[in-house]
Protein backbone atom coordinates (compact mmCIF):
# COMPACT_ATOMS: atom_id res chain seq x y z
CA MET A 1 6.27 8.98 -13.45
CA SER A 2 2.96 7.90 -14.94
CA ALA A 3 -0.41 9.08 -13.70
CA SER A 4 -1.19 5.52 -12.64
CA SER A 5 1.78 5.24 -10.28
CA LEU A 6 0.96 4.24 -6.73
CA ILE A 7 3.00 6.46 -4.43
CA SER A 8 2.05 6.92 -0.80
CA VAL A 9 3.15 9.10 2.04
CA ILE A 10 1.43 7.87 5.17
CA LYS A 11 1.02 9.46 8.58
CA HIS A 12 1.76 6.38 10.59
CA SER A 13 0.79 4.79 13.83
CA SER A 14 2.81 1.91 15.19
CA CYS A 15 0.22 -0.66 14.10
CA ALA A 16 0.33 0.45 10.44
CA PHE A 17 4.10 0.32 10.09
CA PRO A 18 4.67 -3.41 9.46
CA ARG A 19 2.01 -3.51 6.72
CA MET A 20 3.37 -0.45 4.88
CA ARG A 21 7.12 -1.11 5.00
CA GLY A 22 8.51 -0.77 1.48
CA ASN A 23 5.21 0.52 0.07
CA ALA A 24 5.20 4.06 1.42
CA LEU A 25 7.21 6.68 3.22
CA LEU A 26 5.98 6.89 6.79
CA VAL A 27 5.83 10.18 8.67
CA PRO A 28 4.64 11.02 12.17
CA PRO A 29 1.04 12.24 12.52
CA ARG A 30 0.54 16.02 12.43
CA ASP A 31 4.14 16.67 11.26
CA ALA A 32 3.78 18.90 8.21
CA GLU A 33 7.55 19.30 7.86
CA ALA A 34 8.07 15.54 7.74
CA MET A 35 5.22 15.18 5.23
CA ALA A 36 6.73 17.86 3.00
CA GLY A 37 10.13 16.19 3.26
CA ALA A 38 8.68 12.81 2.27
CA VAL A 39 6.89 14.29 -0.74
CA ARG A 40 10.09 16.13 -1.70
CA ARG A 41 12.03 12.84 -1.61
CA ILE A 42 9.50 11.15 -3.89
CA LEU A 43 9.69 14.03 -6.34
CA THR A 44 13.49 14.26 -6.36
CA GLU A 45 14.49 10.58 -6.07
CA PRO A 46 13.14 8.74 -9.12
CA SER A 47 14.48 5.37 -7.97
CA LEU A 48 12.69 5.74 -4.63
CA ALA A 49 9.44 6.71 -6.35
CA GLU A 50 9.77 3.74 -8.72
CA ARG A 51 10.46 1.29 -5.88
CA LEU A 52 7.56 2.55 -3.75
CA SER A 53 5.24 2.45 -6.74
CA ARG A 54 6.28 -1.08 -7.72
CA ASN A 55 5.95 -2.42 -4.17
CA ALA A 56 2.59 -0.75 -3.59
CA ARG A 57 1.24 -2.08 -6.89
CA LEU A 58 2.35 -5.64 -6.01
CA ARG A 59 0.65 -5.36 -2.62
CA ALA A 60 -2.54 -4.00 -4.19
CA GLU A 61 -2.58 -6.77 -6.80
CA ALA A 62 -2.19 -9.37 -4.05
CA HIS A 63 -5.52 -8.11 -2.66
CA GLY A 64 -7.35 -7.68 -5.96
CA TRP A 65 -10.61 -9.42 -6.80
CA SER A 66 -8.88 -12.05 -8.92
CA VAL A 67 -7.11 -13.19 -5.74
CA VAL A 68 -9.80 -12.50 -3.14
CA LEU A 69 -12.91 -13.73 -4.97
CA PRO A 70 -11.94 -17.45 -5.03
CA HIS A 71 -11.45 -17.34 -1.24
CA TRP A 72 -14.88 -15.77 -0.74
CA GLU A 73 -16.49 -18.32 -3.06
CA GLU A 74 -14.88 -21.19 -1.17
CA LEU A 75 -15.99 -19.77 2.17
CA LEU A 76 -19.57 -19.17 1.00
CA GLU A 77 -19.80 -22.67 -0.50
CA LYS A 78 -18.69 -24.16 2.84
CA VAL A 79 -21.25 -22.09 4.73
CA ALA A 80 -24.01 -23.00 2.26
CA ALA A 81 -23.10 -26.68 2.65
CA GLY A 82 -23.42 -26.39 6.42
CA GLY A 83 -19.70 -26.54 7.07
């Protein structure tokens, strides 16, 4: 696994779950045993770590400046034009 891999273990609340599905392993808040188990899975299951990393990277890239900036520019141009 490279140093640039995006692997997440998240203490979840119900509202975070739909956004994180496939990008992270979700564990209950304040459950150290579940957190340790999730980290253990990532370290011992290379295919899981690879899938989580790939999915998280795709999600991050979908929200990068190259995607977001054109939307901001369009919005600001509309506001500046009085629209």
